[in-house]
Amino acid sequence: MNVSDFMKANLSEIKNIILNLPAEFSSHDFIEKFSKKYESDYIDMLVDYKGREAFKTVHSQVAKFLSLNMKYLGINKRDKDSSEHVFGELDVIQWWKKI
């Protein structure tokens, strides 16, 4: 199952993850909570892209899903800003604001 299909199938739980985040959060903040809740599924998603920038690919698909479902999830895009990614390096990523 691809990232988007998985997230669609778990849309109400995705919304609950967002409800438990601060008023403003980064895509990385969301992914951290998402990957803890769905650890084995998250690992499967990464394995699907093994050798093809798995983290970057999966994380960009997660952010795209958030973007395409902003209205239902009750979020809006904020500016892009720096955030530390899973390897401890800074990256410029999307930030979100609850509405």
PDB file of N, CA and C in Angstrom:
ATOM      1  N   MET A   1       0.853  -1.182   0.000  1.00  0.00           N
ATOM      2  CA  MET A   1       0.000   0.000   0.000  1.00  0.00           C
ATOM      3  C   MET A   1       0.896   1.243   0.000  1.00  0.00           C
ATOM      4  N   ASN A   2       0.611   2.180  -0.897  1.00  0.00           N
ATOM      5  CA  ASN A   2       1.442   3.381  -0.936  1.00  0.00           C
ATOM      6  C   ASN A   2       1.077   4.338   0.203  1.00  0.00           C
ATOM      7  N   VAL A   3       1.885   5.359   0.374  1.00  0.00           N
ATOM      8  CA  VAL A   3       1.730   6.290   1.501  1.00  0.00           C
ATOM      9  C   VAL A   3       0.351   6.945   1.495  1.00  0.00           C
ATOM     10  N   SER A   4      -0.051   7.477   0.368  1.00  0.00           N
ATOM     11  CA  SER A   4      -1.330   8.178   0.278  1.00  0.00           C
ATOM     12  C   SER A   4      -2.503   7.255   0.596  1.00  0.00           C
ATOM     13  N   ASP A   5      -2.490   6.049   0.035  1.00  0.00           N
ATOM     14  CA  ASP A   5      -3.573   5.098   0.299  1.00  0.00           C
ATOM     15  C   ASP A   5      -3.629   4.724   1.775  1.00  0.00           C
ATOM     16  N   PHE A   6      -2.462   4.513   2.376  1.00  0.00           N
ATOM     17  CA  PHE A   6      -2.421   4.178   3.798  1.00  0.00           C
ATOM     18  C   PHE A   6      -3.005   5.314   4.637  1.00  0.00           C
ATOM     19  N   MET A   7      -2.605   6.535   4.318  1.00  0.00           N
ATOM     20  CA  MET A   7      -3.079   7.679   5.091  1.00  0.00           C
ATOM     21  C   MET A   7      -4.575   7.899   4.888  1.00  0.00           C
ATOM     22  N   LYS A   8      -5.078   7.690   3.677  1.00  0.00           N
ATOM     23  CA  LYS A   8      -6.521   7.799   3.427  1.00  0.00           C
ATOM     24  C   LYS A   8      -7.288   6.774   4.257  1.00  0.00           C
ATOM     25  N   ALA A   9      -6.746   5.558   4.330  1.00  0.00           N
ATOM     26  CA  ALA A   9      -7.403   4.489   5.072  1.00  0.00           C
ATOM     27  C   ALA A   9      -7.410   4.761   6.579  1.00  0.00           C
ATOM     28  N   ASN A  10      -6.516   5.638   7.036  1.00  0.00           N
ATOM     29  CA  ASN A  10      -6.392   5.955   8.462  1.00  0.00           C
ATOM     30  C   ASN A  10      -6.638   7.436   8.727  1.00  0.00           C
ATOM     31  N   LEU A  11      -7.486   8.043   7.922  1.00  0.00           N
ATOM     32  CA  LEU A  11      -7.695   9.488   7.960  1.00  0.00           C
ATOM     33  C   LEU A  11      -8.131  10.008   9.329  1.00  0.00           C
ATOM     34  N   SER A  12      -9.031   9.319   9.997  1.00  0.00           N
ATOM     35  CA  SER A  12      -9.484   9.813  11.309  1.00  0.00           C
ATOM     36  C   SER A  12      -8.349   9.769  12.327  1.00  0.00           C
ATOM     37  N   GLU A  13      -7.490   8.760  12.248  1.00  0.00           N
ATOM     38  CA  GLU A  13      -6.342   8.689  13.156  1.00  0.00           C
ATOM     39  C   GLU A  13      -5.293   9.744  12.804  1.00  0.00           C
ATOM     40  N   ILE A  14      -5.155  10.040  11.528  1.00  0.00           N
ATOM     41  CA  ILE A  14      -4.237  11.097  11.086  1.00  0.00           C
ATOM     42  C   ILE A  14      -4.711  12.424  11.682  1.00  0.00           C
ATOM     43  N   LYS A  15      -6.015  12.647  11.632  1.00  0.00           N
ATOM     44  CA  LYS A  15      -6.577  13.872  12.207  1.00  0.00           C
ATOM     45  C   LYS A  15      -6.315  13.929  13.714  1.00  0.00           C
ATOM     46  N   ASN A  16      -6.415  12.794  14.404  1.00  0.00           N
ATOM     47  CA  ASN A  16      -6.134  12.750  15.843  1.00  0.00           C
ATOM     48  C   ASN A  16      -4.682  13.076  16.148  1.00  0.00           C
ATOM     49  N   ILE A  17      -3.772  12.620  15.300  1.00  0.00           N
ATOM     50  CA  ILE A  17      -2.354  12.958  15.496  1.00  0.00           C
ATOM     51  C   ILE A  17      -2.203  14.473  15.444  1.00  0.00           C
ATOM     52  N   ILE A  18      -2.827  15.101  14.453  1.00  0.00           N
ATOM     53  CA  ILE A  18      -2.737  16.558  14.304  1.00  0.00           C
ATOM     54  C   ILE A  18      -3.360  17.269  15.499  1.00  0.00           C
ATOM     55  N   LEU A  19      -4.484  16.769  15.991  1.00  0.00           N
ATOM     56  CA  LEU A  19      -5.134  17.390  17.156  1.00  0.00           C
ATOM     57  C   LEU A  19      -4.218  17.418  18.375  1.00  0.00           C
ATOM     58  N   ASN A  20      -3.304  16.464  18.454  1.00  0.00           N
ATOM     59  CA  ASN A  20      -2.396  16.383  19.599  1.00  0.00           C
ATOM     60  C   ASN A  20      -1.058  17.084  19.374  1.00  0.00           C
ATOM     61  N   LEU A  21      -0.927  17.772  18.263  1.00  0.00           N
ATOM     62  CA  LEU A  21       0.282  18.561  17.991  1.00  0.00           C
ATOM     63  C   LEU A  21       0.033  20.002  18.423  1.00  0.00           C
ATOM     64  N   PRO A  22       1.104  20.792  18.580  1.00  0.00           N
ATOM     65  CA  PRO A  22       0.925  22.216  18.904  1.00  0.00           C
ATOM     66  C   PRO A  22       0.170  22.958  17.807  1.00  0.00           C
ATOM     67  N   ALA A  23      -0.241  24.183  18.082  1.00  0.00           N
ATOM     68  CA  ALA A  23      -0.996  25.000  17.122  1.00  0.00           C
ATOM     69  C   ALA A  23      -0.234  25.194  15.820  1.00  0.00           C
ATOM     70  N   GLU A  24       1.075  25.279  15.884  1.00  0.00           N
ATOM     71  CA  GLU A  24       1.929  25.345  14.703  1.00  0.00           C
ATOM     72  C   GLU A  24       2.939  24.212  14.804  1.00  0.00           C
ATOM     73  N   PHE A  25       3.102  23.498  13.705  1.00  0.00           N
ATOM     74  CA  PHE A  25       3.987  22.332  13.712  1.00  0.00           C
ATOM     75  C   PHE A  25       4.607  22.145  12.333  1.00  0.00           C
ATOM     76  N   SER A  26       5.708  21.440  12.301  1.00  0.00           N
ATOM     77  CA  SER A  26       6.377  21.165  11.027  1.00  0.00           C
ATOM     78  C   SER A  26       5.955  19.799  10.505  1.00  0.00           C
ATOM     79  N   SER A  27       6.231  19.568   9.252  1.00  0.00           N
ATOM     80  CA  SER A  27       5.991  18.243   8.683  1.00  0.00           C
ATOM     81  C   SER A  27       6.773  17.196   9.464  1.00  0.00           C
ATOM     82  N   HIS A  28       7.984  17.562   9.905  1.00  0.00           N
ATOM     83  CA  HIS A  28       8.792  16.632  10.692  1.00  0.00           C
ATOM     84  C   HIS A  28       8.127  16.299  12.025  1.00  0.00           C
ATOM     85  N   ASP A  29       7.489  17.282  12.663  1.00  0.00           N
ATOM     86  CA  ASP A  29       6.772  17.023  13.913  1.00  0.00           C
ATOM     87  C   ASP A  29       5.677  15.986  13.679  1.00  0.00           C
ATOM     88  N   PHE A  30       4.921  16.181  12.595  1.00  0.00           N
ATOM     89  CA  PHE A  30       3.861  15.241  12.266  1.00  0.00           C
ATOM     90  C   PHE A  30       4.440  13.855  11.987  1.00  0.00           C
ATOM     91  N   ILE A  31       5.477  13.786  11.175  1.00  0.00           N
ATOM     92  CA  ILE A  31       6.068  12.498  10.793  1.00  0.00           C
ATOM     93  C   ILE A  31       6.591  11.756  12.013  1.00  0.00           C
ATOM     94  N   GLU A  32       7.145  12.476  12.971  1.00  0.00           N
ATOM     95  CA  GLU A  32       7.633  11.832  14.199  1.00  0.00           C
ATOM     96  C   GLU A  32       6.495  11.103  14.922  1.00  0.00           C
ATOM     97  N   LYS A  33       5.359  11.764  15.081  1.00  0.00           N
ATOM     98  CA  LYS A  33       4.202  11.151  15.756  1.00  0.00           C
ATOM     99  C   LYS A  33       3.598  10.034  14.896  1.00  0.00           C
ATOM    100  N   PHE A  34       3.493  10.283  13.596  1.00  0.00           N
ATOM    101  CA  PHE A  34       2.961   9.303  12.658  1.00  0.00           C
ATOM    102  C   PHE A  34       3.800   8.032  12.676  1.00  0.00           C
ATOM    103  N   SER A  35       5.121   8.181  12.626  1.00  0.00           N
ATOM    104  CA  SER A  35       6.005   7.009  12.568  1.00  0.00           C
ATOM    105  C   SER A  35       5.987   6.215  13.871  1.00  0.00           C
ATOM    106  N   LYS A  36       5.730   6.869  14.988  1.00  0.00           N
ATOM    107  CA  LYS A  36       5.609   6.146  16.258  1.00  0.00           C
ATOM    108  C   LYS A  36       4.307   5.360  16.301  1.00  0.00           C
ATOM    109  N   LYS A  37       3.222   5.968  15.861  1.00  0.00           N
ATOM    110  CA  LYS A  37       1.913   5.315  15.900  1.00  0.00           C
ATOM    111  C   LYS A  37       1.840   4.143  14.924  1.00  0.00           C
ATOM    112  N   TYR A  38       2.421   4.313  13.770  1.00  0.00           N
ATOM    113  CA  TYR A  38       2.354   3.306  12.709  1.00  0.00           C
ATOM    114  C   TYR A  38       3.749   2.787  12.365  1.00  0.00           C
ATOM    115  N   GLU A  39       4.513   2.434  13.361  1.00  0.00           N
ATOM    116  CA  GLU A  39       5.924   2.085  13.169  1.00  0.00           C
ATOM    117  C   GLU A  39       6.143   1.012  12.099  1.00  0.00           C
ATOM    118  N   SER A  40       5.474  -0.117  12.191  1.00  0.00           N
ATOM    119  CA  SER A  40       5.737  -1.184  11.227  1.00  0.00           C
ATOM    120  C   SER A  40       5.298  -0.783   9.816  1.00  0.00           C
ATOM    121  N   ASP A  41       4.188  -0.063   9.703  1.00  0.00           N
ATOM    122  CA  ASP A  41       3.742   0.411   8.385  1.00  0.00           C
ATOM    123  C   ASP A  41       4.712   1.440   7.819  1.00  0.00           C
ATOM    124  N   TYR A  42       5.212   2.308   8.682  1.00  0.00           N
ATOM    125  CA  TYR A  42       6.183   3.322   8.278  1.00  0.00           C
ATOM    126  C   TYR A  42       7.459   2.648   7.756  1.00  0.00           C
ATOM    127  N   ILE A  43       7.906   1.629   8.460  1.00  0.00           N
ATOM    128  CA  ILE A  43       9.096   0.894   8.017  1.00  0.00           C
ATOM    129  C   ILE A  43       8.841   0.258   6.658  1.00  0.00           C
ATOM    130  N   ASP A  44       7.661  -0.329   6.478  1.00  0.00           N
ATOM    131  CA  ASP A  44       7.313  -0.921   5.174  1.00  0.00           C
ATOM    132  C   ASP A  44       7.352   0.133   4.070  1.00  0.00           C
ATOM    133  N   MET A  45       6.861   1.329   4.363  1.00  0.00           N
ATOM    134  CA  MET A  45       6.881   2.403   3.371  1.00  0.00           C
ATOM    135  C   MET A  45       8.320   2.749   2.980  1.00  0.00           C
ATOM    136  N   LEU A  46       9.189   2.823   3.977  1.00  0.00           N
ATOM    137  CA  LEU A  46      10.600   3.129   3.702  1.00  0.00           C
ATOM    138  C   LEU A  46      11.249   2.021   2.876  1.00  0.00           C
ATOM    139  N   VAL A  47      10.956   0.774   3.218  1.00  0.00           N
ATOM    140  CA  VAL A  47      11.526  -0.361   2.495  1.00  0.00           C
ATOM    141  C   VAL A  47      11.092  -0.345   1.030  1.00  0.00           C
ATOM    142  N   ASP A  48       9.863   0.086   0.766  1.00  0.00           N
ATOM    143  CA  ASP A  48       9.380   0.169  -0.613  1.00  0.00           C
ATOM    144  C   ASP A  48      10.265   1.073  -1.473  1.00  0.00           C
ATOM    145  N   TYR A  49      10.931   2.036  -0.851  1.00  0.00           N
ATOM    146  CA  TYR A  49      11.784   2.980  -1.590  1.00  0.00           C
ATOM    147  C   TYR A  49      13.262   2.792  -1.266  1.00  0.00           C
ATOM    148  N   LYS A  50      13.625   1.645  -0.738  1.00  0.00           N
ATOM    149  CA  LYS A  50      15.016   1.352  -0.382  1.00  0.00           C
ATOM    150  C   LYS A  50      15.941   1.640  -1.570  1.00  0.00           C
ATOM    151  N   GLY A  51      16.992   2.386  -1.276  1.00  0.00           N
ATOM    152  CA  GLY A  51      17.954   2.720  -2.320  1.00  0.00           C
ATOM    153  C   GLY A  51      17.536   3.883  -3.198  1.00  0.00           C
ATOM    154  N   ARG A  52      16.363   4.467  -2.923  1.00  0.00           N
ATOM    155  CA  ARG A  52      15.876   5.582  -3.733  1.00  0.00           C
ATOM    156  C   ARG A  52      15.484   6.745  -2.836  1.00  0.00           C
ATOM    157  N   GLU A  53      16.400   7.128  -1.941  1.00  0.00           N
ATOM    158  CA  GLU A  53      16.143   8.225  -0.997  1.00  0.00           C
ATOM    159  C   GLU A  53      14.838   7.979  -0.242  1.00  0.00           C
ATOM    160  N   ALA A  54      14.766   6.839   0.434  1.00  0.00           N
ATOM    161  CA  ALA A  54      13.536   6.386   1.077  1.00  0.00           C
ATOM    162  C   ALA A  54      12.937   7.431   2.017  1.00  0.00           C
ATOM    163  N   PHE A  55      13.739   7.993   2.926  1.00  0.00           N
ATOM    164  CA  PHE A  55      13.193   8.961   3.878  1.00  0.00           C
ATOM    165  C   PHE A  55      12.650  10.188   3.163  1.00  0.00           C
ATOM    166  N   LYS A  56      13.436  10.730   2.265  1.00  0.00           N
ATOM    167  CA  LYS A  56      13.016  11.932   1.538  1.00  0.00           C
ATOM    168  C   LYS A  56      11.743  11.666   0.734  1.00  0.00           C
ATOM    169  N   THR A  57      11.676  10.528   0.082  1.00  0.00           N
ATOM    170  CA  THR A  57      10.521  10.196  -0.750  1.00  0.00           C
ATOM    171  C   THR A  57       9.259  10.004   0.083  1.00  0.00           C
ATOM    172  N   VAL A  58       9.350   9.207   1.136  1.00  0.00           N
ATOM    173  CA  VAL A  58       8.179   8.960   1.982  1.00  0.00           C
ATOM    174  C   VAL A  58       7.740  10.245   2.670  1.00  0.00           C
ATOM    175  N   HIS A  59       8.693  11.011   3.194  1.00  0.00           N
ATOM    176  CA  HIS A  59       8.341  12.247   3.899  1.00  0.00           C
ATOM    177  C   HIS A  59       7.702  13.262   2.968  1.00  0.00           C
ATOM    178  N   SER A  60       8.165  13.332   1.728  1.00  0.00           N
ATOM    179  CA  SER A  60       7.544  14.279   0.794  1.00  0.00           C
ATOM    180  C   SER A  60       6.128  13.819   0.433  1.00  0.00           C
ATOM    181  N   GLN A  61       5.893  12.515   0.383  1.00  0.00           N
ATOM    182  CA  GLN A  61       4.541  12.013   0.116  1.00  0.00           C
ATOM    183  C   GLN A  61       3.609  12.295   1.297  1.00  0.00           C
ATOM    184  N   VAL A  62       4.130  12.196   2.506  1.00  0.00           N
ATOM    185  CA  VAL A  62       3.339  12.524   3.696  1.00  0.00           C
ATOM    186  C   VAL A  62       2.949  13.999   3.658  1.00  0.00           C
ATOM    187  N   ALA A  63       3.926  14.874   3.376  1.00  0.00           N
ATOM    188  CA  ALA A  63       3.657  16.315   3.319  1.00  0.00           C
ATOM    189  C   ALA A  63       2.659  16.635   2.202  1.00  0.00           C
ATOM    190  N   LYS A  64       2.769  15.950   1.078  1.00  0.00           N
ATOM    191  CA  LYS A  64       1.820  16.161  -0.019  1.00  0.00           C
ATOM    192  C   LYS A  64       0.415  15.758   0.413  1.00  0.00           C
ATOM    193  N   PHE A  65       0.290  14.655   1.148  1.00  0.00           N
ATOM    194  CA  PHE A  65      -1.012  14.226   1.637  1.00  0.00           C
ATOM    195  C   PHE A  65      -1.612  15.282   2.565  1.00  0.00           C
ATOM    196  N   LEU A  66      -0.788  15.819   3.468  1.00  0.00           N
ATOM    197  CA  LEU A  66      -1.276  16.878   4.358  1.00  0.00           C
ATOM    198  C   LEU A  66      -1.772  18.062   3.544  1.00  0.00           C
ATOM    199  N   SER A  67      -1.017  18.425   2.528  1.00  0.00           N
ATOM    200  CA  SER A  67      -1.372  19.562   1.689  1.00  0.00           C
ATOM    201  C   SER A  67      -2.693  19.336   0.948  1.00  0.00           C
ATOM    202  N   LEU A  68      -2.875  18.144   0.426  1.00  0.00           N
ATOM    203  CA  LEU A  68      -4.090  17.838  -0.337  1.00  0.00           C
ATOM    204  C   LEU A  68      -5.321  17.671   0.550  1.00  0.00           C
ATOM    205  N   ASN A  69      -5.113  17.488   1.851  1.00  0.00           N
ATOM    206  CA  ASN A  69      -6.225  17.238   2.768  1.00  0.00           C
ATOM    207  C   ASN A  69      -6.315  18.285   3.872  1.00  0.00           C
ATOM    208  N   MET A  70      -5.806  19.489   3.609  1.00  0.00           N
ATOM    209  CA  MET A  70      -5.774  20.549   4.622  1.00  0.00           C
ATOM    210  C   MET A  70      -7.153  20.853   5.190  1.00  0.00           C
ATOM    211  N   LYS A  71      -8.136  20.969   4.330  1.00  0.00           N
ATOM    212  CA  LYS A  71      -9.478  21.355   4.785  1.00  0.00           C
ATOM    213  C   LYS A  71     -10.020  20.343   5.796  1.00  0.00           C
ATOM    214  N   TYR A  72      -9.984  19.070   5.442  1.00  0.00           N
ATOM    215  CA  TYR A  72     -10.494  18.035   6.344  1.00  0.00           C
ATOM    216  C   TYR A  72      -9.677  17.968   7.636  1.00  0.00           C
ATOM    217  N   LEU A  73      -8.367  18.133   7.522  1.00  0.00           N
ATOM    218  CA  LEU A  73      -7.489  18.010   8.684  1.00  0.00           C
ATOM    219  C   LEU A  73      -7.477  19.266   9.548  1.00  0.00           C
ATOM    220  N   GLY A  74      -8.068  20.349   9.061  1.00  0.00           N
ATOM    221  CA  GLY A  74      -8.134  21.583   9.834  1.00  0.00           C
ATOM    222  C   GLY A  74      -6.802  22.294   9.974  1.00  0.00           C
ATOM    223  N   ILE A  75      -6.040  22.299   8.880  1.00  0.00           N
ATOM    224  CA  ILE A  75      -4.724  22.946   8.899  1.00  0.00           C
ATOM    225  C   ILE A  75      -4.561  23.833   7.665  1.00  0.00           C
ATOM    226  N   ASN A  76      -3.650  24.788   7.774  1.00  0.00           N
ATOM    227  CA  ASN A  76      -3.229  25.632   6.653  1.00  0.00           C
ATOM    228  C   ASN A  76      -1.719  25.630   6.594  1.00  0.00           C
ATOM    229  N   LYS A  77      -1.207  25.877   5.399  1.00  0.00           N
ATOM    230  CA  LYS A  77       0.239  26.009   5.257  1.00  0.00           C
ATOM    231  C   LYS A  77       0.694  27.310   5.891  1.00  0.00           C
ATOM    232  N   ARG A  78       1.817  27.244   6.506  1.00  0.00           N
ATOM    233  CA  ARG A  78       2.531  28.407   6.996  1.00  0.00           C
ATOM    234  C   ARG A  78       3.775  28.513   6.136  1.00  0.00           C
ATOM    235  N   ASP A  79       4.664  29.412   6.429  1.00  0.00           N
ATOM    236  CA  ASP A  79       5.902  29.512   5.654  1.00  0.00           C
ATOM    237  C   ASP A  79       6.746  28.257   5.813  1.00  0.00           C
ATOM    238  N   LYS A  80       7.620  28.050   4.841  1.00  0.00           N
ATOM    239  CA  LYS A  80       8.629  26.997   4.994  1.00  0.00           C
ATOM    240  C   LYS A  80       9.720  27.553   5.885  1.00  0.00           C
ATOM    241  N   ASP A  81      10.294  26.681   6.691  1.00  0.00           N
ATOM    242  CA  ASP A  81      11.318  27.108   7.641  1.00  0.00           C
ATOM    243  C   ASP A  81      12.216  25.922   7.946  1.00  0.00           C
ATOM    244  N   SER A  82      13.279  26.180   8.677  1.00  0.00           N
ATOM    245  CA  SER A  82      14.226  25.132   9.028  1.00  0.00           C
ATOM    246  C   SER A  82      13.648  24.186  10.068  1.00  0.00           C
ATOM    247  N   SER A  83      14.030  22.923   9.926  1.00  0.00           N
ATOM    248  CA  SER A  83      13.660  21.893  10.891  1.00  0.00           C
ATOM    249  C   SER A  83      14.703  20.788  10.783  1.00  0.00           C
ATOM    250  N   GLU A  84      15.024  20.190  11.906  1.00  0.00           N
ATOM    251  CA  GLU A  84      15.992  19.105  11.920  1.00  0.00           C
ATOM    252  C   GLU A  84      15.310  17.826  11.461  1.00  0.00           C
ATOM    253  N   HIS A  85      15.921  17.137  10.478  1.00  0.00           N
ATOM    254  CA  HIS A  85      15.317  15.890  10.016  1.00  0.00           C
ATOM    255  C   HIS A  85      15.887  14.695  10.780  1.00  0.00           C
ATOM    256  N   VAL A  86      15.465  13.487  10.391  1.00  0.00           N
ATOM    257  CA  VAL A  86      15.793  12.280  11.149  1.00  0.00           C
ATOM    258  C   VAL A  86      17.284  12.008  11.277  1.00  0.00           C
ATOM    259  N   PHE A  87      18.097  12.613  10.426  1.00  0.00           N
ATOM    260  CA  PHE A  87      19.534  12.420  10.494  1.00  0.00           C
ATOM    261  C   PHE A  87      20.245  13.563  11.219  1.00  0.00           C
ATOM    262  N   GLY A  88      19.455  14.447  11.853  1.00  0.00           N
ATOM    263  CA  GLY A  88      20.024  15.516  12.654  1.00  0.00           C
ATOM    264  C   GLY A  88      20.524  16.714  11.866  1.00  0.00           C
ATOM    265  N   GLU A  89      20.227  16.781  10.593  1.00  0.00           N
ATOM    266  CA  GLU A  89      20.638  17.912   9.767  1.00  0.00           C
ATOM    267  C   GLU A  89      19.451  18.835   9.549  1.00  0.00           C
ATOM    268  N   LEU A  90      19.742  20.115   9.330  1.00  0.00           N
ATOM    269  CA  LEU A  90      18.676  21.078   9.077  1.00  0.00           C
ATOM    270  C   LEU A  90      18.229  21.001   7.628  1.00  0.00           C
ATOM    271  N   ASP A  91      16.951  21.121   7.449  1.00  0.00           N
ATOM    272  CA  ASP A  91      16.337  21.096   6.124  1.00  0.00           C
ATOM    273  C   ASP A  91      15.226  22.140   6.133  1.00  0.00           C
ATOM    274  N   VAL A  92      14.935  22.745   5.013  1.00  0.00           N
ATOM    275  CA  VAL A  92      13.846  23.708   4.923  1.00  0.00           C
ATOM    276  C   VAL A  92      12.597  22.932   4.519  1.00  0.00           C
ATOM    277  N   ILE A  93      11.595  22.943   5.395  1.00  0.00           N
ATOM    278  CA  ILE A  93      10.395  22.151   5.165  1.00  0.00           C
ATOM    279  C   ILE A  93       9.140  22.964   5.461  1.00  0.00           C
ATOM    280  N   GLN A  94       8.010  22.349   5.146  1.00  0.00           N
ATOM    281  CA  GLN A  94       6.718  23.004   5.344  1.00  0.00           C
ATOM    282  C   GLN A  94       6.317  23.018   6.813  1.00  0.00           C
ATOM    283  N   TRP A  95       5.808  24.162   7.247  1.00  0.00           N
ATOM    284  CA  TRP A  95       5.209  24.300   8.573  1.00  0.00           C
ATOM    285  C   TRP A  95       3.729  24.473   8.394  1.00  0.00           C
ATOM    286  N   TRP A  96       2.955  24.073   9.401  1.00  0.00           N
ATOM    287  CA  TRP A  96       1.501  24.061   9.347  1.00  0.00           C
ATOM    288  C   TRP A  96       0.939  24.794  10.544  1.00  0.00           C
ATOM    289  N   LYS A  97      -0.272  25.311  10.365  1.00  0.00           N
ATOM    290  CA  LYS A  97      -0.980  25.984  11.443  1.00  0.00           C
ATOM    291  C   LYS A  97      -2.387  25.422  11.501  1.00  0.00           C
ATOM    292  N   LYS A  98      -2.831  25.053  12.713  1.00  0.00           N
ATOM    293  CA  LYS A  98      -4.198  24.577  12.878  1.00  0.00           C
ATOM    294  C   LYS A  98      -5.154  25.747  12.709  1.00  0.00           C
ATOM    295  N   ILE A  99      -6.327  25.467  12.130  1.00  0.00           N
ATOM    296  CA  ILE A  99      -7.325  26.519  11.960  1.00  0.00           C
ATOM    297  C   ILE A  99      -8.552  26.224  12.816  1.00  0.00           C
TER     298      ILE A  99
END
